[in-house]
Amino acid sequence: MNPFPAPSPADLVLVKAEELAEHPDANARIGAVLHLTGAVPGLAGLRAYVTARLDGLPCLTHVLTGNGPTARWMPADPDMTRHIRAQHVGGDPEALETAVRRALREPWPEEAPAWRMILLHGHVPDGFALLYLSHHAVQDGANIVAVVDALFGPRPLTRQLPAPARDASQTPRAGLRQTARSTVTLLRHARQHRLWQSTSHPLSSRRHLLWTQAPSAGLRAAARAGGASINDVYLTAVVHAITQWAKDAWPRATGTTIPVMVPVNVRTPDEVAAPGNRLFLTRIDLPGGTMPVNRRLARTRAVTSVLKSAGHKTVLRAALTRLPRRLLQLLVDASTVPGRLTICASYLVVRQPLHYVEAAVHRIDPIMCCPPGVPLAVVATTYEDTTSVSFRIDTALPGAESLPERWRQAVTELTRSTPPPRGSTP
């Protein structure tokens, strides 16, 4: 008996989307770049280190086989000589990003777990980077965080034997009122918007990969002042950047709400390292148009309140675990119609300090995939003093390379509009 539930329709859609991509830029790779300060380690030691921690990470030791009703998670031992390698990237300031972009286009080893780790060095005199990549059908963002925590956190995960497939009857049930309320919310956001369909700029499979960073303290201060979450601040800055860019580059996105797909994590503690996605991609319509960024934050906070509801999450969890497979497939198919596809934005937090031997991680740059038909995918990761944001942008969007800088400017505006703490000296 396979210890894990069968891959969900969402997992299989990610595999299919990669097959339909006309360019490897639109494949389903996700992951993170860990920047470390310290001496460059030996490759043999890194391989042995990761091997010793595999028992607690079944997402690294299983492959997705079959398709449709026959799809299953099957155990497979990774070959560390293929899964972990080293690469000297040279001293050019852009060398590291160039190496990451090239690695994103490489195929996976056949019949092997779909992940890899690359030790990148030579781009800085006193450090190195660890690039971790996985296929989105096998791991979601919360799973990526669990992997880096388990490998490089202060306390490795205790050995986890695969938990038996969860009995859906044991999961909490939502009341009828909450179910009806959540269903209405989902249906309201299911209409086609066609915001990103353009005859003059048809979407493609080519992607920009860009990063920007902002001090985490600024986002926290803006969140406290606005009675919001850091995720609210992040989303506000994303939409503010889009509205500023759209004034000249994409007029149909001005003066209207901006539909954004947000992953809601429904992974339970016993599924921390299980393969597959345990998220529900739900759409919210964020305030567009021209307005001060602090007013946009207040309106964003009101829109995202449903995502913070425990009852709503229970309904979403039930949709993944209790809906008949055919109905769930119809739901996924409906949400991936081109006229409904839109921006994807996710937010992750790595809460504990990470290190490899004596080398400390000082920044984490996340990596998100942007499947065909999606104009823009954004992911932010907060780690210690820095929040790093990765933009995967369809090159068909004119001038959209300006979005990372516009996002950072929006965060700066929010920080400037934050009143100083009570009792502080001007």
Protein backbone atom coordinates (compact mmCIF):
# COMPACT_ATOMS: atom_id res chain seq x y z
CA MET A 1 0.00 0.00 0.00
CA ASN A 2 1.32 3.44 -0.92
CA PRO A 3 1.58 5.51 2.29
CA PHE A 4 0.63 8.82 0.64
CA PRO A 5 -2.63 9.97 -0.94
CA ALA A 6 -2.67 9.84 -4.73
CA PRO A 7 -1.39 12.98 -6.50
CA SER A 8 -4.12 15.60 -6.73
CA PRO A 9 -5.44 17.07 -10.00
CA ALA A 10 -3.47 20.23 -9.15
CA ASP A 11 -0.22 18.20 -9.07
CA LEU A 12 -1.02 16.68 -12.46
CA VAL A 13 -1.95 20.07 -13.95
CA LEU A 14 1.56 21.32 -13.13
CA VAL A 15 3.05 18.36 -14.99
CA LYS A 16 0.78 18.95 -17.97
CA ALA A 17 1.49 22.70 -18.01
CA GLU A 18 5.21 22.00 -18.25
CA GLU A 19 4.59 19.68 -21.19
CA LEU A 20 2.65 22.45 -22.96
CA ALA A 21 5.33 25.09 -22.40
CA GLU A 22 6.88 26.28 -25.64
CA HIS A 23 10.07 27.37 -23.85
CA PRO A 24 11.84 25.95 -20.76
CA ASP A 25 11.43 29.33 -19.02
CA ALA A 26 7.80 28.33 -18.37
CA ASN A 27 8.61 25.01 -16.71
CA ALA A 28 7.44 24.11 -13.21
CA ARG A 29 10.70 24.66 -11.27
CA ILE A 30 10.51 26.29 -7.85
CA GLY A 31 13.09 26.62 -5.10
CA ALA A 32 15.45 29.00 -3.35
CA VAL A 33 18.95 30.44 -3.43
CA LEU A 34 20.56 30.36 0.01
CA HIS A 35 23.38 32.92 0.34
CA LEU A 36 25.98 31.90 2.95
CA THR A 37 28.97 33.64 4.47
CA GLY A 38 31.95 31.39 5.09
CA ALA A 39 34.46 29.07 3.46
CA VAL A 40 33.35 27.12 0.40
CA PRO A 41 32.67 23.55 1.58
CA GLY A 42 33.72 20.31 -0.05
CA LEU A 43 31.23 18.59 -2.34
CA ALA A 44 31.67 15.13 -0.78
CA GLY A 45 30.86 16.51 2.65
CA LEU A 46 27.72 18.25 1.38
CA ARG A 47 26.47 15.05 -0.26
CA ALA A 48 27.05 13.05 2.92
CA TYR A 49 25.34 15.76 5.00
CA VAL A 50 22.16 15.73 2.89
CA THR A 51 22.13 11.92 2.65
CA ALA A 52 22.08 11.66 6.45
CA ARG A 53 18.89 13.76 6.57
CA LEU A 54 16.83 12.11 3.84
CA ASP A 55 14.86 9.84 6.18
CA GLY A 56 12.80 12.75 7.44
CA LEU A 57 12.09 14.13 3.96
CA PRO A 58 9.96 11.75 1.87
CA CYS A 59 9.37 14.55 -0.66
CA LEU A 60 13.02 14.00 -1.67
CA THR A 61 12.73 10.23 -2.00
CA HIS A 62 9.55 9.77 -4.06
CA VAL A 63 8.64 10.21 -7.72
CA LEU A 64 5.31 10.81 -9.40
CA THR A 65 4.43 7.95 -11.74
CA GLY A 66 1.47 7.39 -14.03
CA ASN A 67 -1.22 9.86 -14.99
CA GLY A 68 -4.85 10.49 -14.14
CA PRO A 69 -6.37 7.72 -11.98
CA THR A 70 -3.14 5.69 -12.17
CA ALA A 71 -0.90 8.46 -10.77
CA ARG A 72 0.96 7.43 -7.61
CA TRP A 73 3.88 8.45 -5.39
CA MET A 74 6.51 5.76 -5.58
CA PRO A 75 9.76 5.54 -3.54
CA ALA A 76 13.01 6.19 -5.39
CA ASP A 77 16.52 6.64 -4.03
CA PRO A 78 18.26 9.82 -5.19
CA ASP A 79 21.76 9.47 -6.65
CA MET A 80 23.74 12.15 -4.85
CA THR A 81 26.33 12.34 -7.61
CA ARG A 82 23.57 13.57 -9.94
CA HIS A 83 21.37 15.41 -7.44
CA ILE A 84 24.13 17.46 -5.80
CA ARG A 85 26.95 19.08 -7.71
CA ALA A 86 29.24 22.12 -7.55
CA GLN A 87 29.82 24.90 -10.05
CA HIS A 88 32.29 27.77 -10.15
CA VAL A 89 30.40 30.79 -11.49
CA GLY A 90 33.16 33.39 -11.76
CA GLY A 91 33.47 36.84 -10.26
CA ASP A 92 31.15 38.82 -12.50
CA PRO A 93 28.32 40.51 -10.51
CA GLU A 94 25.71 38.86 -12.77
CA ALA A 95 27.41 35.45 -12.78
CA LEU A 96 25.33 33.97 -9.98
CA GLU A 97 21.99 34.98 -11.49
CA THR A 98 23.11 33.69 -14.88
CA ALA A 99 23.99 30.33 -13.36
CA VAL A 100 20.60 30.12 -11.63
CA ARG A 101 18.74 30.90 -14.87
CA ARG A 102 20.66 28.18 -16.71
CA ALA A 103 20.03 25.62 -13.97
CA LEU A 104 16.28 26.33 -14.15
CA ARG A 105 16.23 25.11 -17.76
CA GLU A 106 17.99 21.78 -17.14
CA PRO A 107 15.92 18.58 -17.37
CA TRP A 108 15.51 16.31 -14.37
CA PRO A 109 17.27 12.94 -14.19
CA GLU A 110 14.93 10.25 -15.54
CA GLU A 111 13.07 8.05 -13.04
CA ALA A 112 14.66 9.93 -10.13
CA PRO A 113 13.24 12.33 -7.53
CA ALA A 114 12.69 15.72 -9.15
CA TRP A 115 15.06 17.93 -7.17
CA ARG A 116 18.65 19.07 -7.24
CA MET A 117 21.10 21.14 -5.21
CA ILE A 118 24.00 23.10 -6.72
CA LEU A 119 26.87 24.55 -4.72
CA LEU A 120 27.65 27.83 -6.49
CA HIS A 121 30.89 29.64 -5.66
CA GLY A 122 33.38 32.14 -7.01
CA HIS A 123 30.97 35.10 -7.23
CA VAL A 124 31.99 36.49 -3.81
CA PRO A 125 35.31 36.31 -1.96
CA ASP A 126 33.93 35.24 1.42
CA GLY A 127 30.97 33.00 0.76
CA PHE A 128 28.96 30.78 -1.55
CA ALA A 129 25.38 29.95 -2.48
CA LEU A 130 23.28 26.81 -2.36
CA LEU A 131 20.68 26.60 -5.11
CA TYR A 132 17.85 24.21 -4.27
CA LEU A 133 15.31 23.38 -6.99
CA SER A 134 12.30 21.09 -7.11
CA HIS A 135 9.37 20.35 -9.40
CA HIS A 136 6.23 22.16 -8.27
CA ALA A 137 4.16 19.00 -8.77
CA VAL A 138 6.22 17.36 -6.01
CA GLN A 139 6.71 20.27 -3.61
CA ASP A 140 4.85 23.48 -2.81
CA GLY A 141 6.25 26.56 -1.11
CA ALA A 142 5.58 25.33 2.43
CA ASN A 143 7.38 22.13 1.54
CA ILE A 144 10.43 24.07 0.28
CA VAL A 145 10.57 25.85 3.65
CA ALA A 146 10.32 22.50 5.45
CA VAL A 147 13.22 21.12 3.41
CA VAL A 148 15.60 24.02 4.06
CA ASP A 149 14.59 24.02 7.74
CA ALA A 150 15.29 20.30 8.03
CA LEU A 151 18.60 20.46 6.17
CA PHE A 152 20.04 23.67 7.55
CA GLY A 153 18.10 24.55 10.69
CA PRO A 154 19.51 24.24 14.21
CA ARG A 155 17.48 21.10 14.90
CA PRO A 156 17.05 18.50 12.14
CA LEU A 157 13.64 16.87 11.84
CA THR A 158 13.28 13.69 13.80
CA ARG A 159 13.12 10.66 11.57
CA GLN A 160 9.67 10.63 9.98
CA LEU A 161 8.23 7.39 8.72
CA PRO A 162 5.64 8.03 5.98
CA ALA A 163 2.27 8.58 7.63
CA PRO A 164 -0.60 6.45 6.39
CA ALA A 165 -2.97 8.05 3.90
CA ARG A 166 -5.16 10.45 5.83
CA ASP A 167 -8.71 9.30 6.49
CA ALA A 168 -10.84 12.20 5.29
CA SER A 169 -13.46 11.36 7.91
CA GLN A 170 -10.99 12.35 10.63
CA THR A 171 -10.44 15.91 9.39
CA PRO A 172 -12.52 18.74 10.92
CA ARG A 173 -15.78 19.49 9.15
CA ALA A 174 -16.98 23.00 8.38
CA GLY A 175 -20.52 24.00 9.28
CA LEU A 176 -23.14 24.50 6.61
CA ARG A 177 -23.09 28.28 7.01
CA GLN A 178 -19.30 28.47 6.58
CA THR A 179 -19.44 26.07 3.63
CA ALA A 180 -22.10 28.19 1.93
CA ARG A 181 -20.18 31.41 2.63
CA SER A 182 -16.93 29.98 1.25
CA THR A 183 -18.67 28.53 -1.80
CA VAL A 184 -20.21 31.90 -2.63
CA THR A 185 -16.78 33.52 -2.30
CA LEU A 186 -15.19 30.98 -4.63
CA LEU A 187 -17.96 31.30 -7.23
CA ARG A 188 -17.84 35.10 -7.12
CA HIS A 189 -14.19 35.00 -8.12
CA ALA A 190 -14.62 32.30 -10.77
CA ARG A 191 -15.78 34.58 -13.57
CA GLN A 192 -13.52 35.16 -16.54
CA HIS A 193 -11.79 38.55 -16.63
CA ARG A 194 -9.57 38.28 -19.74
CA LEU A 195 -7.41 41.04 -18.27
CA TRP A 196 -4.18 39.61 -19.68
CA GLN A 197 -5.40 38.59 -23.14
CA SER A 198 -4.13 40.99 -25.79
CA THR A 199 -3.93 40.70 -29.58
CA SER A 200 -1.01 43.13 -29.72
CA HIS A 201 0.95 41.44 -26.87
CA PRO A 202 -0.06 37.75 -26.77
CA LEU A 203 1.35 35.91 -23.79
CA SER A 204 4.35 33.66 -24.39
CA SER A 205 6.46 31.04 -22.61
CA ARG A 206 9.53 33.29 -22.29
CA ARG A 207 10.22 34.67 -18.81
CA HIS A 208 12.25 37.30 -17.02
CA LEU A 209 13.66 36.19 -13.64
CA LEU A 210 14.31 39.19 -11.39
CA TRP A 211 14.83 39.75 -7.67
CA THR A 212 14.61 42.70 -5.33
CA GLN A 213 14.95 43.04 -1.56
CA ALA A 214 13.57 45.25 1.20
CA PRO A 215 14.29 45.45 4.94
CA SER A 216 11.86 43.19 6.81
CA ALA A 217 11.61 45.81 9.58
CA GLY A 218 9.96 48.25 7.16
CA LEU A 219 7.28 45.73 6.16
CA ARG A 220 6.64 44.85 9.80
CA ALA A 221 6.30 48.51 10.77
CA ALA A 222 3.88 49.18 7.91
CA ALA A 223 1.85 46.12 8.90
CA ARG A 224 1.61 47.21 12.55
CA ALA A 225 0.63 50.75 11.64
CA GLY A 226 -2.06 49.55 9.23
CA GLY A 227 -3.43 46.79 11.45
CA ALA A 228 -2.49 44.37 8.69
CA SER A 229 -0.27 41.36 8.12
CA ILE A 230 3.11 41.43 6.41
CA ASN A 231 1.49 39.46 3.59
CA ASP A 232 -1.04 42.32 3.22
CA VAL A 233 1.82 44.81 2.91
CA TYR A 234 3.58 42.61 0.37
CA LEU A 235 0.42 42.16 -1.75
CA THR A 236 -0.36 45.88 -1.54
CA ALA A 237 3.08 46.71 -2.91
CA VAL A 238 2.67 44.12 -5.70
CA VAL A 239 -0.64 45.58 -6.87
CA HIS A 240 0.59 49.17 -6.45
CA ALA A 241 3.56 48.34 -8.69
CA ILE A 242 1.25 46.79 -11.29
CA THR A 243 -1.09 49.79 -11.36
CA GLN A 244 1.86 52.18 -11.76
CA TRP A 245 3.28 50.11 -14.61
CA ALA A 246 -0.11 49.62 -16.30
CA LYS A 247 -0.75 53.36 -16.73
CA ASP A 248 1.34 53.39 -19.89
CA ALA A 249 2.06 49.74 -20.65
CA TRP A 250 -1.24 47.87 -20.10
CA PRO A 251 -4.16 50.34 -20.03
CA ARG A 252 -6.84 47.66 -19.62
CA ALA A 253 -5.46 46.99 -16.11
CA THR A 254 -6.07 50.59 -15.01
CA GLY A 255 -9.20 51.63 -13.18
CA THR A 256 -10.22 48.05 -12.37
CA THR A 257 -9.62 45.50 -9.65
CA ILE A 258 -6.59 43.26 -10.12
CA PRO A 259 -7.36 39.53 -9.84
CA VAL A 260 -4.59 37.68 -7.98
CA MET A 261 -4.30 33.96 -7.28
CA VAL A 262 -3.05 33.31 -3.75
CA PRO A 263 -2.10 29.85 -2.44
CA VAL A 264 -3.74 29.00 0.88
CA ASN A 265 -1.65 26.46 2.78
CA VAL A 266 -3.80 23.59 4.10
CA ARG A 267 -0.91 21.26 4.93
CA THR A 268 -1.31 19.55 8.30
CA PRO A 269 1.60 18.88 10.71
CA ASP A 270 1.80 15.21 9.71
CA GLU A 271 2.16 16.26 6.05
CA VAL A 272 5.08 18.66 6.55
CA ALA A 273 7.47 16.72 4.31
CA ALA A 274 4.97 14.66 2.29
CA PRO A 275 5.23 14.87 -1.50
CA GLY A 276 2.67 16.82 -3.50
CA ASN A 277 0.88 20.14 -3.11
CA ARG A 278 -1.20 20.81 -0.03
CA LEU A 279 -2.52 24.20 -1.04
CA PHE A 280 -5.68 25.65 -2.50
CA LEU A 281 -5.07 28.31 -5.12
CA THR A 282 -7.81 30.84 -4.50
CA ARG A 283 -8.48 34.12 -6.27
CA ILE A 284 -8.95 37.51 -4.66
CA ASP A 285 -9.65 40.81 -6.42
CA LEU A 286 -7.33 43.49 -5.04
CA PRO A 287 -7.96 47.23 -5.35
CA GLY A 288 -6.63 48.69 -8.60
CA GLY A 289 -6.76 52.21 -9.93
CA THR A 290 -4.90 55.25 -8.64
CA MET A 291 -4.81 55.82 -4.88
CA PRO A 292 -2.29 56.46 -2.08
CA VAL A 293 -0.48 53.29 -1.14
CA ASN A 294 -1.62 53.44 2.52
CA ARG A 295 -5.26 53.58 1.40
CA ARG A 296 -4.59 50.61 -0.86
CA LEU A 297 -3.23 48.72 2.17
CA ALA A 298 -6.45 49.33 4.11
CA ARG A 299 -8.54 48.06 1.22
CA THR A 300 -6.26 45.07 0.66
CA ARG A 301 -6.53 44.11 4.34
CA ALA A 302 -10.33 44.00 3.99
CA VAL A 303 -10.13 41.78 0.90
CA THR A 304 -7.65 39.29 2.38
CA SER A 305 -9.58 38.80 5.62
CA VAL A 306 -11.29 35.73 4.17
CA LEU A 307 -7.89 34.07 3.63
CA LYS A 308 -7.18 34.33 7.36
CA SER A 309 -10.41 32.58 8.38
CA ALA A 310 -9.86 29.16 9.95
CA GLY A 311 -13.34 28.14 8.83
CA HIS A 312 -12.60 29.07 5.22
CA LYS A 313 -9.38 27.06 5.32
CA THR A 314 -11.35 24.08 6.62
CA VAL A 315 -13.66 24.31 3.60
CA LEU A 316 -10.69 24.52 1.23
CA ARG A 317 -9.05 21.54 2.92
CA ALA A 318 -12.30 19.59 2.56
CA ALA A 319 -12.44 20.44 -1.16
CA LEU A 320 -9.02 18.84 -1.61
CA THR A 321 -9.65 15.77 0.54
CA ARG A 322 -13.37 15.03 0.26
CA LEU A 323 -14.54 16.13 -3.17
CA PRO A 324 -14.84 13.25 -5.62
CA ARG A 325 -11.78 13.24 -7.84
CA ARG A 326 -13.86 14.01 -10.92
CA LEU A 327 -15.40 17.11 -9.32
CA LEU A 328 -12.02 18.33 -8.12
CA GLN A 329 -10.65 17.84 -11.64
CA LEU A 330 -13.52 19.93 -13.05
CA LEU A 331 -12.76 22.66 -10.49
CA VAL A 332 -9.07 22.72 -11.45
CA ASP A 333 -9.89 22.70 -15.17
CA ALA A 334 -12.29 25.64 -14.77
CA SER A 335 -9.72 27.69 -12.85
CA THR A 336 -7.05 27.20 -15.52
CA VAL A 337 -9.09 28.47 -18.49
CA PRO A 338 -6.94 31.17 -20.20
CA GLY A 339 -9.54 33.88 -19.49
CA ARG A 340 -9.29 33.11 -15.76
CA LEU A 341 -5.53 32.77 -15.41
CA THR A 342 -3.92 35.75 -13.75
CA ILE A 343 -1.10 36.88 -11.48
CA CYS A 344 0.06 34.43 -8.81
CA ALA A 345 1.50 35.80 -5.57
CA SER A 346 2.73 33.84 -2.56
CA TYR A 347 4.51 34.71 0.67
CA LEU A 348 6.78 32.49 2.79
CA VAL A 349 8.56 32.93 6.11
CA VAL A 350 11.69 31.08 7.26
CA ARG A 351 11.63 31.58 11.02
CA GLN A 352 14.77 29.90 12.32
CA PRO A 353 18.39 30.78 11.52
CA LEU A 354 20.01 28.49 8.96
CA HIS A 355 23.60 27.38 8.52
CA TYR A 356 25.76 24.73 6.93
CA VAL A 357 28.57 23.69 9.29
CA GLU A 358 30.21 27.04 10.18
CA ALA A 359 28.75 29.02 7.26
CA ALA A 360 25.65 31.07 8.10
CA VAL A 361 22.79 31.84 5.73
CA HIS A 362 22.35 35.61 5.50
CA ARG A 363 19.70 35.84 2.75
CA ILE A 364 17.25 33.62 0.92
CA ASP A 365 16.10 34.48 -2.60
CA PRO A 366 12.99 32.46 -3.51
CA ILE A 367 12.21 31.09 -6.98
CA MET A 368 8.67 30.69 -8.32
CA CYS A 369 7.46 29.12 -11.56
CA CYS A 370 5.26 30.95 -14.06
CA PRO A 371 3.34 28.39 -16.17
CA PRO A 372 2.02 29.13 -19.67
CA GLY A 373 -0.90 31.55 -19.62
CA VAL A 374 0.18 33.18 -16.36
CA PRO A 375 1.46 36.73 -16.98
CA LEU A 376 3.38 37.14 -13.74
CA ALA A 377 4.27 35.04 -10.70
CA VAL A 378 5.71 36.66 -7.58
CA VAL A 379 6.96 35.06 -4.38
CA ALA A 380 8.40 36.74 -1.30
CA THR A 381 10.46 35.14 1.46
CA THR A 382 11.13 36.82 4.78
CA TYR A 383 14.30 35.60 6.48
CA GLU A 384 15.83 37.51 9.39
CA ASP A 385 16.41 41.15 8.36
CA THR A 386 15.59 40.83 4.65
CA THR A 387 12.47 40.14 2.61
CA SER A 388 13.49 39.00 -0.87
CA VAL A 389 11.00 38.96 -3.74
CA SER A 390 11.32 36.95 -6.96
CA PHE A 391 9.49 38.02 -10.11
CA ARG A 392 8.90 35.61 -13.01
CA ILE A 393 7.46 37.83 -15.74
CA ASP A 394 6.21 36.96 -19.21
CA THR A 395 8.45 38.87 -21.63
CA ALA A 396 5.31 39.74 -23.63
CA LEU A 397 4.39 42.34 -20.97
CA PRO A 398 6.04 45.56 -22.26
CA GLY A 399 8.35 47.23 -19.78
CA ALA A 400 7.40 44.86 -16.97
CA GLU A 401 11.07 44.55 -15.96
CA SER A 402 10.36 47.73 -13.97
CA LEU A 403 8.01 45.88 -11.58
CA PRO A 404 10.65 44.85 -8.99
CA GLU A 405 11.84 48.45 -8.56
CA ARG A 406 8.24 49.70 -8.47
CA TRP A 407 7.50 47.13 -5.74
CA ARG A 408 10.43 48.36 -3.68
CA GLN A 409 9.32 51.97 -4.12
CA ALA A 410 5.83 51.04 -2.92
CA VAL A 411 7.28 49.45 0.22
CA THR A 412 9.36 52.59 0.80
CA GLU A 413 6.23 54.75 0.49
CA LEU A 414 4.40 52.55 2.98
CA THR A 415 7.33 52.75 5.39
CA ARG A 416 7.51 56.55 5.10
CA SER A 417 3.79 56.88 5.79
CA THR A 418 4.15 54.79 8.97
CA PRO A 419 3.93 56.97 12.11
CA PRO A 420 6.93 56.64 14.48
CA PRO A 421 6.47 54.45 17.56
CA ARG A 422 4.74 56.19 20.47
CA GLY A 423 7.24 58.00 22.66
CA SER A 424 10.02 58.14 20.06
CA THR A 425 12.03 61.30 19.51
CA PRO A 426 11.52 63.01 16.10
